[in-house]
Structure formats: C-alpha cells, structure tokens
Amino acid sequence: MGEVGVKMVVKVIEEKKNPLLKREEVYCIFEHPDKATPSRKEMLPSLEKILKAKKDLIIIDKIFSVKGRGESKVHVFAYKKKEDIPKEKLEKMQRRMEKKEAKGKTIEEAKPEVAKEEAGKEPEEKPEEKGEKEEEPEKEEKPEGKG
C-alpha cells in the first residue's frame, strides 16, 4: 500500500506473472476520496514505486471507476524490457495520455486549431439538403436459362 498526493491510497489486489507475454499483470485499487478519477499520468509515480519498475515499462491498461465511492480499480501491465512491450499497447498508452493533455486545454486555445482544420476542408454537400434524391441505378435482369 502506498500513499500518493494528499489523500490517494493504492492497494494491490492481485498480481499474476504472465511468462508467455513477458509481463506482470496487476490489479490495484486507487482510493481518491473527494476527487475525480486520477489520470494515468497521476497514477504512474505511485505504480512505479509499488511495482518497482520504470515509468516507461508500465502500461495502464484499464481504469474502472466505482460509482458512489472515491475509488478506481486499475489493470496494469509491468514489463522487464522495453522490447517486450507490444508496439500497439505502447502507442495506445501514448495516445491516451496525449488525449488527456489535449482535453486540459481551454476552449479558447482549442478553437483556433479547429478553425484551421475546418478552413482546409471543402464543405460537404448532401443531396437531401438540396431537395434532390439520389436514384439507384436500375438493375438489368438476366433471364435464367441453360447455356
């Protein structure tokens, strides 16, 4: 059990060795009363201490928030070597952490980016908007017969 921040406590529930995938699979509970579910970035330092592994060798697979309580169940993979981490798992973890950082931007900061993206796109026209409907091409029926 390790303390994180002011009031966040971590409890390891289950640890499994998975020699086939060269990793250790761990389920833990993060207690965070009176706070929102912590981000992966906030969880990494405490997992690093508990699992005795470097941050770049830890993949936080899933976070399950428990409704009505200030705790989250977390599924974590810890690897021995960077080469053992599947490329897709590593990329997925990086995307998730970047997505969280992008959400942290204020609306004003995000608006210019959206405006630039939309300026480069051509407006899409839908036939329904013009009052026209696309007609399906008529299918030619071939008579069934021998040879």
N, C-alpha and C. Protein backbone atom coordinates (compact mmCIF):
# COMPACT_ATOMS: atom_id res chain seq x y z
N MET A 1 0.85 -1.18 0.00
CA MET A 1 0.00 0.00 0.00
C MET A 1 0.89 1.24 0.00
N GLY A 2 0.59 2.19 -0.87
CA GLY A 2 1.40 3.39 -0.95
C GLY A 2 0.53 4.63 -0.96
N GLU A 3 1.04 5.71 -0.43
CA GLU A 3 0.32 6.98 -0.41
C GLU A 3 0.75 7.82 -1.60
N VAL A 4 -0.21 8.46 -2.22
CA VAL A 4 0.05 9.33 -3.34
C VAL A 4 -0.63 10.66 -3.08
N GLY A 5 0.08 11.74 -3.35
CA GLY A 5 -0.52 13.05 -3.14
C GLY A 5 -0.94 13.24 -1.70
N VAL A 6 -2.08 13.89 -1.50
CA VAL A 6 -2.55 14.17 -0.15
C VAL A 6 -3.39 13.03 0.40
N LYS A 7 -4.44 12.61 -0.35
CA LYS A 7 -5.36 11.62 0.20
C LYS A 7 -5.59 10.42 -0.72
N MET A 8 -4.66 10.11 -1.62
CA MET A 8 -4.86 9.00 -2.52
C MET A 8 -4.04 7.80 -2.04
N VAL A 9 -4.74 6.66 -1.85
CA VAL A 9 -4.10 5.45 -1.35
C VAL A 9 -4.21 4.36 -2.42
N VAL A 10 -3.16 3.56 -2.56
CA VAL A 10 -3.15 2.49 -3.55
C VAL A 10 -3.05 1.15 -2.84
N LYS A 11 -3.93 0.20 -3.22
CA LYS A 11 -3.91 -1.15 -2.66
C LYS A 11 -3.79 -2.15 -3.81
N VAL A 12 -2.84 -3.06 -3.70
CA VAL A 12 -2.69 -4.11 -4.71
C VAL A 12 -3.63 -5.25 -4.34
N ILE A 13 -4.51 -5.63 -5.29
CA ILE A 13 -5.48 -6.69 -5.05
C ILE A 13 -4.95 -8.04 -5.53
N GLU A 14 -4.40 -8.03 -6.75
CA GLU A 14 -3.98 -9.29 -7.36
C GLU A 14 -2.76 -9.06 -8.24
N GLU A 15 -1.81 -10.00 -8.18
CA GLU A 15 -0.63 -9.96 -9.03
C GLU A 15 -0.49 -11.31 -9.72
N LYS A 16 -0.27 -11.27 -11.04
CA LYS A 16 -0.08 -12.51 -11.80
C LYS A 16 1.14 -12.36 -12.69
N LYS A 17 1.95 -13.39 -12.77
CA LYS A 17 3.07 -13.43 -13.71
C LYS A 17 2.54 -14.04 -15.00
N ASN A 18 2.87 -13.44 -16.12
CA ASN A 18 2.48 -13.97 -17.42
C ASN A 18 3.76 -14.16 -18.24
N PRO A 19 4.39 -15.33 -18.10
CA PRO A 19 5.66 -15.55 -18.78
C PRO A 19 5.54 -15.59 -20.30
N LEU A 20 4.40 -16.00 -20.83
CA LEU A 20 4.21 -16.05 -22.27
C LEU A 20 4.30 -14.65 -22.89
N LEU A 21 3.68 -13.67 -22.25
CA LEU A 21 3.71 -12.30 -22.75
C LEU A 21 4.81 -11.47 -22.08
N LYS A 22 5.62 -12.10 -21.24
CA LYS A 22 6.77 -11.47 -20.57
C LYS A 22 6.37 -10.22 -19.79
N ARG A 23 5.34 -10.39 -18.96
CA ARG A 23 4.89 -9.26 -18.16
C ARG A 23 4.26 -9.74 -16.86
N GLU A 24 4.09 -8.77 -15.96
CA GLU A 24 3.38 -8.99 -14.71
C GLU A 24 2.07 -8.22 -14.80
N GLU A 25 0.94 -8.87 -14.51
CA GLU A 25 -0.36 -8.24 -14.57
C GLU A 25 -0.84 -7.96 -13.15
N VAL A 26 -1.20 -6.73 -12.91
CA VAL A 26 -1.56 -6.31 -11.55
C VAL A 26 -2.90 -5.59 -11.56
N TYR A 27 -3.74 -5.95 -10.58
CA TYR A 27 -4.99 -5.21 -10.33
C TYR A 27 -4.80 -4.46 -9.02
N CYS A 28 -5.06 -3.15 -9.04
CA CYS A 28 -4.96 -2.35 -7.81
C CYS A 28 -6.19 -1.47 -7.68
N ILE A 29 -6.37 -0.97 -6.49
CA ILE A 29 -7.45 -0.01 -6.23
C ILE A 29 -6.80 1.31 -5.80
N PHE A 30 -7.17 2.38 -6.50
CA PHE A 30 -6.74 3.72 -6.13
C PHE A 30 -7.88 4.36 -5.38
N GLU A 31 -7.65 4.71 -4.14
CA GLU A 31 -8.67 5.41 -3.35
C GLU A 31 -8.39 6.91 -3.49
N HIS A 32 -9.40 7.64 -3.95
CA HIS A 32 -9.26 9.09 -4.15
C HIS A 32 -10.53 9.79 -3.67
N PRO A 33 -10.77 9.79 -2.35
CA PRO A 33 -11.99 10.42 -1.83
C PRO A 33 -12.03 11.92 -2.13
N ASP A 34 -13.23 12.38 -2.45
CA ASP A 34 -13.48 13.80 -2.74
C ASP A 34 -12.70 14.32 -3.94
N LYS A 35 -12.26 13.44 -4.83
CA LYS A 35 -11.54 13.85 -6.03
C LYS A 35 -12.05 13.06 -7.22
N ALA A 36 -11.80 13.60 -8.41
CA ALA A 36 -12.15 12.88 -9.65
C ALA A 36 -11.18 11.73 -9.85
N THR A 37 -11.52 10.84 -10.77
CA THR A 37 -10.64 9.72 -11.09
C THR A 37 -9.30 10.27 -11.54
N PRO A 38 -8.20 9.81 -10.94
CA PRO A 38 -6.89 10.33 -11.33
C PRO A 38 -6.53 9.91 -12.76
N SER A 39 -5.74 10.74 -13.41
CA SER A 39 -5.31 10.43 -14.78
C SER A 39 -4.19 9.40 -14.74
N ARG A 40 -3.89 8.84 -15.89
CA ARG A 40 -2.80 7.87 -15.99
C ARG A 40 -1.48 8.51 -15.56
N LYS A 41 -1.32 9.77 -15.92
CA LYS A 41 -0.09 10.50 -15.56
C LYS A 41 0.05 10.62 -14.04
N GLU A 42 -1.07 10.83 -13.35
CA GLU A 42 -1.05 10.95 -11.89
C GLU A 42 -0.82 9.60 -11.21
N MET A 43 -1.23 8.51 -11.88
CA MET A 43 -1.09 7.17 -11.30
C MET A 43 0.32 6.60 -11.46
N LEU A 44 1.01 6.99 -12.52
CA LEU A 44 2.31 6.39 -12.83
C LEU A 44 3.34 6.45 -11.70
N PRO A 45 3.54 7.59 -11.04
CA PRO A 45 4.56 7.63 -9.98
C PRO A 45 4.30 6.62 -8.85
N SER A 46 3.06 6.47 -8.44
CA SER A 46 2.77 5.53 -7.37
C SER A 46 2.91 4.09 -7.85
N LEU A 47 2.52 3.81 -9.08
CA LEU A 47 2.68 2.46 -9.63
C LEU A 47 4.16 2.12 -9.79
N GLU A 48 4.95 3.12 -10.11
CA GLU A 48 6.39 2.94 -10.25
C GLU A 48 7.00 2.45 -8.93
N LYS A 49 6.55 3.04 -7.82
CA LYS A 49 7.05 2.65 -6.51
C LYS A 49 6.57 1.26 -6.11
N ILE A 50 5.29 0.99 -6.33
CA ILE A 50 4.70 -0.28 -5.92
C ILE A 50 5.26 -1.45 -6.72
N LEU A 51 5.34 -1.28 -8.05
CA LEU A 51 5.77 -2.36 -8.93
C LEU A 51 7.29 -2.44 -9.07
N LYS A 52 7.97 -1.44 -8.56
CA LYS A 52 9.44 -1.35 -8.66
C LYS A 52 9.88 -1.49 -10.11
N ALA A 53 9.23 -0.71 -10.97
CA ALA A 53 9.54 -0.69 -12.40
C ALA A 53 9.58 0.77 -12.87
N LYS A 54 10.27 1.00 -13.98
CA LYS A 54 10.36 2.35 -14.53
C LYS A 54 9.04 2.73 -15.19
N LYS A 55 8.77 4.03 -15.26
CA LYS A 55 7.53 4.54 -15.85
C LYS A 55 7.32 4.05 -17.28
N ASP A 56 8.41 4.01 -18.06
CA ASP A 56 8.27 3.62 -19.47
C ASP A 56 8.06 2.12 -19.66
N LEU A 57 8.10 1.34 -18.58
CA LEU A 57 7.85 -0.10 -18.65
C LEU A 57 6.48 -0.47 -18.08
N ILE A 58 5.70 0.54 -17.69
CA ILE A 58 4.38 0.31 -17.11
C ILE A 58 3.31 0.77 -18.09
N ILE A 59 2.34 -0.12 -18.34
CA ILE A 59 1.21 0.21 -19.20
C ILE A 59 -0.06 0.11 -18.36
N ILE A 60 -0.77 1.22 -18.22
CA ILE A 60 -2.04 1.22 -17.51
C ILE A 60 -3.09 0.85 -18.55
N ASP A 61 -3.58 -0.38 -18.47
CA ASP A 61 -4.49 -0.90 -19.49
C ASP A 61 -5.89 -0.34 -19.33
N LYS A 62 -6.47 -0.47 -18.16
CA LYS A 62 -7.85 -0.02 -17.95
C LYS A 62 -8.02 0.62 -16.59
N ILE A 63 -8.93 1.57 -16.53
CA ILE A 63 -9.31 2.21 -15.27
C ILE A 63 -10.81 2.07 -15.13
N PHE A 64 -11.25 1.40 -14.07
CA PHE A 64 -12.68 1.21 -13.81
C PHE A 64 -13.05 2.06 -12.60
N SER A 65 -13.82 3.11 -12.80
CA SER A 65 -14.25 3.94 -11.68
C SER A 65 -15.45 3.29 -11.01
N VAL A 66 -15.44 3.27 -9.68
CA VAL A 66 -16.53 2.68 -8.92
C VAL A 66 -17.49 3.80 -8.56
N LYS A 67 -18.75 3.67 -9.01
CA LYS A 67 -19.74 4.71 -8.75
C LYS A 67 -20.08 4.79 -7.27
N GLY A 68 -20.26 6.00 -6.80
CA GLY A 68 -20.68 6.22 -5.42
C GLY A 68 -19.56 6.14 -4.41
N ARG A 69 -18.37 5.84 -4.87
CA ARG A 69 -17.21 5.78 -3.97
C ARG A 69 -16.07 6.56 -4.62
N GLY A 70 -15.14 6.93 -3.84
CA GLY A 70 -13.98 7.63 -4.37
C GLY A 70 -12.85 6.66 -4.62
N GLU A 71 -13.09 5.66 -5.49
CA GLU A 71 -12.03 4.72 -5.80
C GLU A 71 -12.15 4.21 -7.23
N SER A 72 -11.03 3.75 -7.74
CA SER A 72 -10.98 3.22 -9.10
C SER A 72 -10.16 1.94 -9.10
N LYS A 73 -10.65 0.94 -9.83
CA LYS A 73 -9.92 -0.31 -9.99
C LYS A 73 -9.08 -0.17 -11.26
N VAL A 74 -7.81 -0.51 -11.18
CA VAL A 74 -6.89 -0.28 -12.28
C VAL A 74 -6.20 -1.59 -12.68
N HIS A 75 -6.16 -1.87 -13.99
CA HIS A 75 -5.48 -3.04 -14.53
C HIS A 75 -4.19 -2.55 -15.17
N VAL A 76 -3.05 -3.08 -14.69
CA VAL A 76 -1.74 -2.58 -15.10
C VAL A 76 -0.87 -3.73 -15.59
N PHE A 77 -0.04 -3.45 -16.60
CA PHE A 77 0.95 -4.39 -17.08
C PHE A 77 2.33 -3.81 -16.79
N ALA A 78 3.21 -4.63 -16.20
CA ALA A 78 4.59 -4.20 -15.94
C ALA A 78 5.53 -5.14 -16.70
N TYR A 79 6.40 -4.57 -17.51
CA TYR A 79 7.34 -5.33 -18.32
C TYR A 79 8.75 -5.18 -17.78
N LYS A 80 9.61 -6.15 -18.12
CA LYS A 80 11.01 -6.11 -17.69
C LYS A 80 11.86 -5.29 -18.65
N LYS A 81 11.57 -5.42 -19.98
CA LYS A 81 12.34 -4.71 -21.01
C LYS A 81 11.40 -3.96 -21.94
N LYS A 82 11.87 -2.86 -22.48
CA LYS A 82 11.10 -2.04 -23.41
C LYS A 82 10.73 -2.84 -24.67
N GLU A 83 11.61 -3.75 -25.10
CA GLU A 83 11.38 -4.55 -26.31
C GLU A 83 10.21 -5.53 -26.13
N ASP A 84 9.88 -5.88 -24.89
CA ASP A 84 8.80 -6.83 -24.62
C ASP A 84 7.41 -6.21 -24.76
N ILE A 85 7.33 -4.89 -24.72
CA ILE A 85 6.03 -4.21 -24.79
C ILE A 85 5.55 -4.26 -26.24
N PRO A 86 4.34 -4.79 -26.47
CA PRO A 86 3.80 -4.78 -27.84
C PRO A 86 3.66 -3.35 -28.34
N LYS A 87 4.01 -3.14 -29.59
CA LYS A 87 4.01 -1.81 -30.18
C LYS A 87 2.65 -1.14 -30.05
N GLU A 88 1.57 -1.92 -30.31
CA GLU A 88 0.23 -1.32 -30.26
C GLU A 88 -0.16 -0.90 -28.84
N LYS A 89 0.28 -1.64 -27.82
CA LYS A 89 -0.02 -1.26 -26.42
C LYS A 89 0.68 0.05 -26.08
N LEU A 90 1.93 0.16 -26.51
CA LEU A 90 2.71 1.36 -26.22
C LEU A 90 2.10 2.58 -26.91
N GLU A 91 1.73 2.42 -28.17
CA GLU A 91 1.11 3.52 -28.91
C GLU A 91 -0.23 3.93 -28.31
N LYS A 92 -1.01 2.94 -27.90
CA LYS A 92 -2.33 3.21 -27.32
C LYS A 92 -2.18 4.01 -26.01
N MET A 93 -1.21 3.62 -25.19
CA MET A 93 -0.96 4.32 -23.92
C MET A 93 -0.55 5.77 -24.20
N GLN A 94 0.33 5.97 -25.18
CA GLN A 94 0.77 7.32 -25.51
C GLN A 94 -0.38 8.17 -26.03
N ARG A 95 -1.24 7.58 -26.89
CA ARG A 95 -2.40 8.31 -27.41
C ARG A 95 -3.33 8.72 -26.29
N ARG A 96 -3.56 7.81 -25.35
CA ARG A 96 -4.47 8.11 -24.24
C ARG A 96 -3.94 9.25 -23.39
N MET A 97 -2.64 9.24 -23.15
CA MET A 97 -2.06 10.30 -22.31
C MET A 97 -2.07 11.64 -23.05
N GLU A 98 -1.82 11.63 -24.36
CA GLU A 98 -1.86 12.86 -25.15
C GLU A 98 -3.29 13.40 -25.23
N LYS A 99 -4.26 12.51 -25.37
CA LYS A 99 -5.66 12.91 -25.46
C LYS A 99 -6.07 13.63 -24.18
N LYS A 100 -5.63 13.13 -23.05
CA LYS A 100 -5.97 13.72 -21.76
C LYS A 100 -5.36 15.12 -21.66
N GLU A 101 -4.12 15.28 -22.16
CA GLU A 101 -3.48 16.59 -22.13
C GLU A 101 -4.21 17.57 -23.04
N ALA A 102 -4.67 17.10 -24.19
CA ALA A 102 -5.39 17.97 -25.13
C ALA A 102 -6.71 18.42 -24.54
N LYS A 103 -7.38 17.55 -23.76
CA LYS A 103 -8.64 17.93 -23.12
C LYS A 103 -8.41 19.01 -22.08
N GLY A 104 -7.22 19.05 -21.51
CA GLY A 104 -6.90 20.03 -20.49
C GLY A 104 -6.81 21.44 -21.02
N LYS A 105 -6.67 21.60 -22.34
CA LYS A 105 -6.59 22.95 -22.92
C LYS A 105 -7.92 23.67 -22.74
N THR A 106 -7.84 24.98 -22.65
CA THR A 106 -9.08 25.75 -22.53
C THR A 106 -9.76 25.81 -23.90
N ILE A 107 -11.01 26.16 -23.92
CA ILE A 107 -11.79 26.21 -25.16
C ILE A 107 -11.19 27.24 -26.12
N GLU A 108 -10.73 28.37 -25.61
CA GLU A 108 -10.16 29.41 -26.46
C GLU A 108 -8.92 28.92 -27.17
N GLU A 109 -8.10 28.11 -26.47
CA GLU A 109 -6.87 27.59 -27.07
C GLU A 109 -7.20 26.56 -28.14
N ALA A 110 -8.25 25.79 -27.95
CA ALA A 110 -8.61 24.74 -28.89
C ALA A 110 -9.32 25.28 -30.14
N LYS A 111 -10.03 26.40 -30.02
CA LYS A 111 -10.80 26.92 -31.14
C LYS A 111 -9.96 27.24 -32.38
N PRO A 112 -8.81 27.92 -32.27
CA PRO A 112 -8.03 28.20 -33.48
C PRO A 112 -7.61 26.93 -34.22
N GLU A 113 -7.29 25.86 -33.50
CA GLU A 113 -6.91 24.61 -34.13
C GLU A 113 -8.08 24.05 -34.94
N VAL A 114 -9.27 24.09 -34.37
CA VAL A 114 -10.45 23.57 -35.05
C VAL A 114 -10.75 24.43 -36.27
N ALA A 115 -10.63 25.75 -36.15
CA ALA A 115 -10.90 26.65 -37.26
C ALA A 115 -9.93 26.39 -38.42
N LYS A 116 -8.65 26.12 -38.11
CA LYS A 116 -7.66 25.83 -39.14
C LYS A 116 -8.01 24.53 -39.86
N GLU A 117 -8.42 23.52 -39.11
CA GLU A 117 -8.78 22.24 -39.70
C GLU A 117 -9.99 22.39 -40.62
N GLU A 118 -11.00 23.15 -40.17
CA GLU A 118 -12.21 23.32 -40.94
C GLU A 118 -11.96 24.19 -42.19
N ALA A 119 -11.02 25.12 -42.11
CA ALA A 119 -10.73 26.01 -43.23
C ALA A 119 -10.14 25.21 -44.40
N GLY A 120 -9.39 24.18 -44.11
CA GLY A 120 -8.76 23.36 -45.14
C GLY A 120 -9.73 22.39 -45.80
N LYS A 121 -10.87 22.14 -45.20
CA LYS A 121 -11.84 21.19 -45.73
C LYS A 121 -12.84 21.89 -46.63
N GLU A 122 -13.28 21.18 -47.67
CA GLU A 122 -14.34 21.70 -48.52
C GLU A 122 -15.67 21.33 -47.89
N PRO A 123 -16.65 22.19 -47.97
CA PRO A 123 -17.95 21.85 -47.37
C PRO A 123 -18.58 20.68 -48.12
N GLU A 124 -19.09 19.75 -47.35
CA GLU A 124 -19.71 18.58 -47.94
C GLU A 124 -21.17 18.88 -48.23
N GLU A 125 -21.60 18.55 -49.43
CA GLU A 125 -22.98 18.77 -49.79
C GLU A 125 -23.71 17.45 -49.79
N LYS A 126 -24.84 17.42 -49.16
CA LYS A 126 -25.65 16.21 -49.13
C LYS A 126 -26.83 16.41 -50.06
N PRO A 127 -27.19 15.40 -50.83
CA PRO A 127 -28.31 15.54 -51.76
C PRO A 127 -29.63 15.88 -51.07
N GLU A 128 -29.82 15.44 -49.84
CA GLU A 128 -31.06 15.71 -49.13
C GLU A 128 -31.23 17.20 -48.86
N GLU A 129 -30.11 17.90 -48.66
CA GLU A 129 -30.17 19.32 -48.37
C GLU A 129 -30.62 20.13 -49.58
N LYS A 130 -30.28 19.67 -50.78
CA LYS A 130 -30.64 20.38 -51.99
C LYS A 130 -32.07 20.08 -52.43
N GLY A 131 -32.67 19.08 -51.84
CA GLY A 131 -34.00 18.69 -52.24
C GLY A 131 -33.96 17.61 -53.31
N GLU A 132 -32.78 17.18 -53.67
CA GLU A 132 -32.63 16.13 -54.67
C GLU A 132 -32.39 14.81 -53.96
N LYS A 133 -32.80 13.77 -54.60
CA LYS A 133 -32.55 12.46 -54.04
C LYS A 133 -31.76 11.65 -55.06
N GLU A 134 -30.80 10.92 -54.56
CA GLU A 134 -30.04 10.06 -55.44
C GLU A 134 -30.88 8.86 -55.80
N GLU A 135 -30.93 8.58 -57.08
CA GLU A 135 -31.70 7.43 -57.52
C GLU A 135 -30.77 6.25 -57.71
N GLU A 136 -31.27 5.10 -57.36
CA GLU A 136 -30.48 3.90 -57.53
C GLU A 136 -30.53 3.50 -58.99
N PRO A 137 -29.40 3.09 -59.57
CA PRO A 137 -29.41 2.65 -60.96
C PRO A 137 -30.26 1.39 -61.11
N GLU A 138 -30.99 1.33 -62.22
CA GLU A 138 -31.85 0.18 -62.45
C GLU A 138 -30.99 -1.03 -62.77
N LYS A 139 -31.37 -2.14 -62.20
CA LYS A 139 -30.62 -3.37 -62.43
C LYS A 139 -31.24 -4.11 -63.59
N GLU A 140 -30.37 -4.61 -64.46
CA GLU A 140 -30.84 -5.40 -65.59
C GLU A 140 -31.03 -6.83 -65.12
N GLU A 141 -32.17 -7.36 -65.45
CA GLU A 141 -32.42 -8.73 -65.06
C GLU A 141 -32.06 -9.64 -66.23
N LYS A 142 -31.27 -10.65 -65.92
CA LYS A 142 -30.86 -11.61 -66.93
C LYS A 142 -31.76 -12.83 -66.84
N PRO A 143 -32.28 -13.26 -67.97
CA PRO A 143 -33.14 -14.45 -67.93
C PRO A 143 -32.33 -15.69 -67.58
N GLU A 144 -32.94 -16.47 -66.71
CA GLU A 144 -32.24 -17.70 -66.30
C GLU A 144 -32.48 -18.77 -67.36
N GLY A 145 -31.47 -19.40 -67.72
CA GLY A 145 -31.60 -20.45 -68.72
C GLY A 145 -30.31 -21.25 -68.82
N LYS A 146 -30.38 -22.29 -69.52
CA LYS A 146 -29.19 -23.13 -69.68
C LYS A 146 -28.37 -22.61 -70.85
N GLY A 147 -27.09 -22.50 -70.63
CA GLY A 147 -26.11 -22.29 -71.59
C GLY A 147 -25.96 -21.16 -72.40
